[in-house]
């Protein structure tokens, strides 16, 4: 676990609970969308490789 992750998941909860709740919403949304971004990146990678082969 990185220090940043520890700060936003543990320490922030004790120091600023309202901000902690907002951050948790963002982190959860990013977690849910991670596979979509990965799929888009993979698709783009192969499209770029295909273009390079034809150039």
C-alpha atoms as a PDB file:
ATOM      1  CA  UNK A   1       0.000   0.000   0.000  1.00  0.00           C
ATOM      2  CA  UNK A   2       1.379   3.405  -0.922  1.00  0.00           C
ATOM      3  CA  UNK A   3       1.463   6.323   1.484  1.00  0.00           C
ATOM      4  CA  UNK A   4      -1.059   8.165  -0.699  1.00  0.00           C
ATOM      5  CA  UNK A   5      -3.447   5.244  -0.587  1.00  0.00           C
ATOM      6  CA  UNK A   6      -3.034   4.941   3.165  1.00  0.00           C
ATOM      7  CA  UNK A   7      -3.669   8.680   3.549  1.00  0.00           C
ATOM      8  CA  UNK A   8      -6.935   8.629   1.597  1.00  0.00           C
ATOM      9  CA  UNK A   9      -8.219   5.350   3.012  1.00  0.00           C
ATOM     10  CA  UNK A  10      -7.194   5.491   6.674  1.00  0.00           C
ATOM     11  CA  UNK A  11      -5.873   8.820   7.870  1.00  0.00           C
ATOM     12  CA  UNK A  12      -8.385  11.014   6.061  1.00  0.00           C
ATOM     13  CA  UNK A  13     -11.251   9.170   7.734  1.00  0.00           C
ATOM     14  CA  UNK A  14      -9.960  10.341  11.119  1.00  0.00           C
ATOM     15  CA  UNK A  15      -9.115  13.915  10.130  1.00  0.00           C
ATOM     16  CA  UNK A  16     -11.904  14.937   7.711  1.00  0.00           C
ATOM     17  CA  UNK A  17     -14.715  12.420   7.524  1.00  0.00           C
ATOM     18  CA  UNK A  18     -16.824  14.361   5.011  1.00  0.00           C
ATOM     19  CA  UNK A  19     -13.917  14.588   2.571  1.00  0.00           C
ATOM     20  CA  UNK A  20     -13.153  10.920   3.219  1.00  0.00           C
ATOM     21  CA  UNK A  21     -16.678   9.972   2.090  1.00  0.00           C
ATOM     22  CA  UNK A  22     -16.306  12.025  -1.104  1.00  0.00           C
ATOM     23  CA  UNK A  23     -12.945  10.423  -1.851  1.00  0.00           C
ATOM     24  CA  UNK A  24     -14.376   6.946  -1.296  1.00  0.00           C
ATOM     25  CA  UNK A  25     -17.073   7.633  -3.904  1.00  0.00           C
ATOM     26  CA  UNK A  26     -14.439   8.649  -6.458  1.00  0.00           C
ATOM     27  CA  UNK A  27     -12.237   5.646  -5.676  1.00  0.00           C
ATOM     28  CA  UNK A  28     -15.177   3.261  -5.997  1.00  0.00           C
ATOM     29  CA  UNK A  29     -16.231   4.767  -9.341  1.00  0.00           C
ATOM     30  CA  UNK A  30     -12.677   4.452 -10.652  1.00  0.00           C
ATOM     31  CA  UNK A  31     -12.551   0.847  -9.462  1.00  0.00           C
ATOM     32  CA  UNK A  32     -15.788   0.051 -11.308  1.00  0.00           C
ATOM     33  CA  UNK A  33     -14.578   1.695 -14.540  1.00  0.00           C
ATOM     34  CA  UNK A  34     -11.022   0.333 -14.491  1.00  0.00           C
ATOM     35  CA  UNK A  35     -11.782  -2.664 -16.723  1.00  0.00           C
ATOM     36  CA  UNK A  36     -13.426  -0.403 -19.305  1.00  0.00           C
ATOM     37  CA  UNK A  37     -10.380   1.878 -19.505  1.00  0.00           C
ATOM     38  CA  UNK A  38      -8.134  -1.176 -19.787  1.00  0.00           C
ATOM     39  CA  UNK A  39     -10.205  -2.549 -22.661  1.00  0.00           C
ATOM     40  CA  UNK A  40     -10.125   0.780 -24.480  1.00  0.00           C
ATOM     41  CA  UNK A  41      -6.346   1.034 -24.029  1.00  0.00           C
ATOM     42  CA  UNK A  42      -5.840  -2.507 -25.343  1.00  0.00           C
ATOM     43  CA  UNK A  43      -8.041  -1.834 -28.367  1.00  0.00           C
ATOM     44  CA  UNK A  44      -6.128   1.364 -29.119  1.00  0.00           C
ATOM     45  CA  UNK A  45      -2.812  -0.470 -28.779  1.00  0.00           C
ATOM     46  CA  UNK A  46      -3.782  -3.043 -31.391  1.00  0.00           C
ATOM     47  CA  UNK A  47      -5.259  -0.425 -33.731  1.00  0.00           C
ATOM     48  CA  UNK A  48      -2.008   1.549 -33.544  1.00  0.00           C
ATOM     49  CA  UNK A  49       0.028  -1.601 -34.184  1.00  0.00           C
ATOM     50  CA  UNK A  50      -2.127  -2.413 -37.205  1.00  0.00           C
ATOM     51  CA  UNK A  51      -1.625   1.101 -38.600  1.00  0.00           C
ATOM     52  CA  UNK A  52       2.145   0.819 -38.069  1.00  0.00           C
ATOM     53  CA  UNK A  53       2.224  -2.485 -39.986  1.00  0.00           C
ATOM     54  CA  UNK A  54       0.469  -0.882 -42.953  1.00  0.00           C
ATOM     55  CA  UNK A  55       2.538   2.304 -42.985  1.00  0.00           C
END
